[in-house]
Protein backbone atom coordinates (compact mmCIF):
# COMPACT_ATOMS: atom_id res chain seq x y z
CA MET A 1 67.68 162.21 59.62
CA TRP A 2 67.45 165.95 60.64
CA GLU A 3 66.66 165.01 64.15
CA LEU A 4 69.80 163.11 64.32
CA ILE A 5 71.94 165.94 62.79
CA LYS A 6 70.55 168.31 65.00
CA GLU A 7 71.35 166.31 68.56
CA PHE A 8 74.60 166.00 66.52
CA ALA A 9 74.99 169.98 66.41
CA VAL A 10 74.08 170.38 70.06
CA TRP A 11 76.13 167.56 71.52
CA THR A 12 79.30 168.80 69.81
CA GLY A 13 78.25 172.58 69.68
CA TRP A 14 78.42 173.43 66.32
CA PHE A 15 76.46 175.86 64.40
CA PRO A 16 73.94 175.24 62.32
CA ILE A 17 76.25 176.46 59.46
CA THR A 18 78.57 173.76 60.58
CA ILE A 19 75.69 171.31 60.44
CA GLY A 20 74.71 172.16 57.16
CA THR A 21 78.18 171.53 55.67
CA VAL A 22 78.35 168.22 57.69
CA VAL A 23 74.95 167.65 55.92
CA VAL A 24 76.72 168.66 52.54
CA ILE A 25 79.18 166.54 53.44
CA PHE A 26 77.60 163.34 53.81
CA LEU A 27 75.54 163.44 51.02
CA GLY A 28 78.65 164.06 48.88
CA LYS A 29 79.86 161.16 50.34
CA TYR A 30 77.33 159.46 49.69
CA PHE A 31 76.73 160.27 46.18
CA TYR A 32 80.33 159.85 45.30
CA SER A 33 79.95 156.35 46.79
CA ARG A 34 77.46 155.59 44.77
CA GLU A 35 78.68 157.21 41.63
CA ILE A 36 81.88 154.68 42.40
CA GLU A 37 79.81 151.65 42.75
CA PHE A 38 78.13 152.84 39.55
CA LYS A 39 81.37 153.54 37.46
CA ASP A 40 82.71 150.04 39.07
CA SER A 41 79.99 148.05 38.03
CA GLN A 42 79.95 150.05 34.80
CA ILE A 43 83.25 148.59 34.71
CA ASP A 44 83.09 145.04 35.32
CA LYS A 45 80.05 144.82 32.71
CA LEU A 46 82.67 146.54 30.37
CA LYS A 47 84.92 143.85 31.47
CA SER A 48 82.47 141.53 30.85
CA ASP A 49 81.34 142.75 27.40
CA LEU A 50 85.07 142.65 26.89
CA GLU A 51 85.45 138.62 27.90
CA ASP A 52 82.47 138.05 25.85
CA SER A 53 83.59 140.07 22.96
CA LYS A 54 87.32 138.37 22.79
CA GLN A 55 85.52 134.89 23.35
CA TYR A 56 83.10 135.62 20.30
CA ARG A 57 86.30 136.76 18.33
CA VAL A 58 87.63 133.63 19.21
CA ASP A 59 84.95 130.94 18.21
CA VAL A 60 84.19 133.06 15.27
CA LEU A 61 88.04 132.78 14.49
CA VAL A 62 87.94 128.81 15.33
CA GLN A 63 85.01 128.09 12.94
CA SER A 64 86.14 130.18 10.59
CA LEU A 65 89.79 128.37 10.70
CA SER A 66 88.01 124.67 11.26
CA GLU A 67 85.62 125.53 7.73
CA ARG A 68 89.10 126.64 6.01
CA VAL A 69 90.73 122.98 7.20
CA LYS A 70 87.49 121.20 6.31
CA PHE A 71 87.34 122.79 3.00
CA GLN A 72 91.06 122.16 2.50
CA ASN A 73 90.77 118.44 3.23
CA GLU A 74 87.75 118.50 0.76
CA GLU A 75 89.85 119.50 -1.73
CA MET A 76 92.79 117.06 -1.21
CA GLU A 77 90.10 114.34 -1.12
CA ARG A 78 88.73 115.82 -4.22
CA LEU A 79 92.30 115.84 -5.48
CA ARG A 80 93.01 112.41 -4.65
CA GLU A 81 89.98 110.74 -6.11
CA ASP A 82 90.53 112.95 -9.11
CA GLN A 83 94.46 111.54 -9.08
CA ASN A 84 93.40 107.85 -8.77
CA SER A 85 90.67 108.69 -11.28
CA SER A 86 93.67 109.88 -14.02
CA LYS A 87 95.33 106.58 -12.82
CA ALA A 88 92.77 104.06 -13.32
CA GLU A 89 92.28 106.08 -16.69
CA LEU A 90 96.23 106.32 -17.74
CA THR A 91 96.30 102.49 -16.83
CA GLN A 92 93.32 101.63 -18.95
CA LYS A 93 94.83 103.79 -21.54
CA GLU A 94 98.34 101.91 -21.20
CA LYS A 95 96.56 98.45 -21.53
CA GLU A 96 94.54 99.63 -24.17
CA LEU A 97 97.61 101.17 -25.87
CA ARG A 98 99.23 97.59 -24.92
CA ILE A 99 96.48 95.95 -27.08
CA THR A 100 96.51 98.20 -30.34
CA LEU A 101 100.50 97.67 -29.79
CA GLU A 102 100.65 94.23 -30.05
CA GLU A 103 98.04 94.25 -32.54
CA ILE A 104 99.86 96.39 -34.84
CA GLN A 105 102.64 93.86 -34.24
CA THR A 106 100.47 91.15 -35.47
CA LEU A 107 99.73 92.79 -38.62
CA ARG A 108 102.83 93.92 -39.26
CA THR A 109 104.00 89.93 -39.04
CA SER A 110 101.01 88.93 -41.15
CA LEU A 111 101.80 91.52 -43.66
CA ARG A 112 105.57 90.12 -43.88
CA GLN A 113 104.38 86.66 -44.36
CA TYR A 114 101.91 87.67 -47.03
CA GLU A 115 104.50 89.61 -48.47
CA ASP A 116 107.09 86.62 -48.07
CA GLN A 117 104.67 84.46 -50.38
CA LEU A 118 104.09 87.00 -52.86
CA ASN A 119 107.69 87.78 -53.60
CA ASP A 120 107.66 84.02 -53.65
CA LEU A 121 104.75 83.62 -55.94
CA LEU A 122 106.76 86.73 -57.85
CA ASP A 123 110.03 84.85 -58.42
CA ASP A 124 108.98 81.30 -58.29
CA ASP A 125 110.08 79.88 -61.68
CA SER A 126 107.15 76.84 -61.68
CA ASP A 127 105.81 75.70 -64.82
CA TYR A 128 102.02 75.70 -65.32
CA CYS A 129 100.11 73.42 -66.84
CA GLN A 130 98.66 74.58 -70.03
CA ILE A 131 95.55 71.84 -70.04
CA CYS A 132 94.05 72.79 -67.02
CA ASP A 133 92.72 75.92 -65.51
CA PRO A 134 91.39 75.97 -61.53
CA ASP A 135 88.92 77.41 -60.02
CA ASP A 136 89.63 80.13 -57.55
CA GLU A 137 89.49 78.16 -54.59
CA HIS A 138 92.63 75.67 -56.45
CA LEU A 139 94.59 79.12 -57.90
CA MET A 140 98.19 78.21 -58.61
CA ALA A 141 97.37 74.43 -57.83
CA ASN A 142 98.50 73.31 -61.70
CA SER A 143 101.82 73.81 -61.35
CA ILE A 144 104.13 71.11 -62.77
CA ALA A 145 105.89 68.71 -60.40
CA TRP A 146 108.81 67.76 -63.03
CA GLY A 147 110.42 64.21 -62.67
CA PHE A 148 107.29 63.07 -61.55
CA GLY A 149 105.19 60.69 -63.51
CA GLY A 150 104.50 61.36 -67.43
CA ASP A 151 104.53 58.84 -70.19
CA GLU A 152 107.79 57.26 -71.49
CA LEU A 153 109.51 59.30 -74.42
CA VAL A 154 110.74 57.23 -77.31
CA GLY A 155 112.38 59.13 -80.64
CA ASP A 156 114.85 61.79 -80.35
CA VAL A 157 114.47 62.54 -76.89
CA LEU A 158 117.81 64.71 -76.39
CA LEU A 159 115.41 67.42 -77.66
CA VAL A 160 113.18 67.19 -74.14
CA ASP A 161 114.37 69.36 -71.48
CA LYS A 162 112.52 67.47 -68.64
CA GLU A 163 109.02 65.64 -68.49
CA GLY A 164 106.47 66.01 -65.63
CA THR A 165 103.24 65.93 -64.56
CA CYS A 166 100.69 68.33 -63.22
CA CYS A 167 99.57 68.53 -59.89
CA TYR A 168 96.08 69.00 -60.28
CA CYS A 169 94.71 67.47 -63.68
CA GLY A 170 97.72 64.76 -64.18
CA SER A 171 98.24 65.96 -67.28
CA THR A 172 101.50 65.00 -68.85
CA SER A 173 103.75 68.58 -69.92
CA ILE A 174 107.25 68.36 -71.83
CA LYS A 175 109.59 70.87 -71.42
CA CYS A 176 111.47 72.09 -74.85
CA LYS A 177 115.69 71.93 -74.35
CA LEU A 178 115.88 74.00 -77.41
CA CYS A 179 113.59 76.76 -76.62
CA GLY A 180 112.69 76.32 -73.29
CA ALA A 181 108.74 76.51 -73.65
CA VAL A 182 106.50 74.16 -71.72
CA THR A 183 103.80 71.90 -73.48
CA GLY A 184 100.98 70.15 -72.60
CA ILE A 185 100.18 66.68 -73.74
CA ASN A 186 95.91 66.49 -73.67
CA TYR A 187 95.04 62.89 -74.54
CA ASP A 188 91.31 63.87 -75.35
CA SER A 189 92.38 66.47 -77.92
CA SER A 190 91.33 65.08 -81.18
CA ASP A 191 94.96 66.56 -82.06
CA GLU A 192 97.43 63.67 -83.30
CA ARG A 193 100.32 65.04 -82.70
CA PHE A 194 101.55 68.87 -81.11
CA GLU A 195 103.68 70.93 -81.53
CA CYS A 196 106.54 73.09 -79.52
CA GLU A 197 104.59 76.02 -77.97
CA GLY A 198 107.70 77.89 -78.44
CA GLY A 199 107.60 77.58 -82.20
CA CYS A 200 110.93 75.76 -82.50
CA GLY A 201 109.53 73.22 -84.85
CA THR A 202 109.63 70.06 -82.13
CA ILE A 203 106.98 67.44 -82.60
CA PHE A 204 105.42 65.77 -79.54
CA GLU A 205 102.98 63.04 -80.69
CA PRO A 206 100.90 60.77 -78.85
CA LEU A 207 101.19 56.84 -79.22
CA SER A 208 98.47 54.33 -77.74
CA PHE A 209 98.60 51.02 -77.88
CA PHE A 210 97.69 47.77 -75.85
CA GLY A 211 99.88 46.35 -73.95
CA ASP A 212 100.29 43.35 -71.23
CA LYS A 213 97.46 44.44 -69.21
CA SER A 214 96.00 47.76 -70.41
CA ILE A 215 96.35 50.79 -73.28
CA GLU A 216 99.80 52.10 -72.88
CA HIS A 217 101.07 55.37 -73.73
CA LYS A 218 104.42 56.77 -75.71
CA ILE A 219 105.18 59.90 -76.68
CA LYS A 220 107.29 59.91 -79.89
CA VAL A 221 109.69 63.28 -80.20
CA TYR A 222 110.88 64.50 -83.29
CA ARG A 223 111.58 67.53 -85.17
CA ASN A 224 109.65 68.79 -88.19
CA TYR A 225 112.48 69.93 -90.47
CA ASP A 226 109.89 70.89 -92.70
CA GLU A 227 108.72 74.28 -90.76
């Protein structure tokens, strides 16, 4: 290269100082161009790194947003499932409440019926047989059916309010017109006569005699004026 410079200097007539200057200029341009190329390569690299960095940040942002969207979707799905579960539980509770209300209504109806029956029993002015005593399964079955059955009354029948038969044992009962007491006529008793349970002095005396085909019964009614 130095030989080329000298030939160039001889041909052009330049002095050695000029040749040195040319060398310096040439080398300066060479190194400057190399520096420019280096800087350009650095700039290109920075640009590439910047693009990569931008893309990376975009990818990170997209991934972050995707994860947030996924999380929100999962939360929405969970809330939807919880809502459906709550609706199902609410429906079940409403059904149970409806059944409970129906049971309460049924109990109220039954209680009202029991109250009505109890009031009927408390308000009942029925008379009961004084002779028989029904068991627990037939409580109050010994009510007297007034006007049905009974034996023929003779004597002072105006002392009798009414005569009837026990619905349980079939015995005859007589209600006194003077005092309102009920007296049962027990044919199995050894008593020959029965005084009115009200103590008013009315006497009911059973009479038995043979009829045409069987034994017949009558009840004689009179006052015991001695008492």
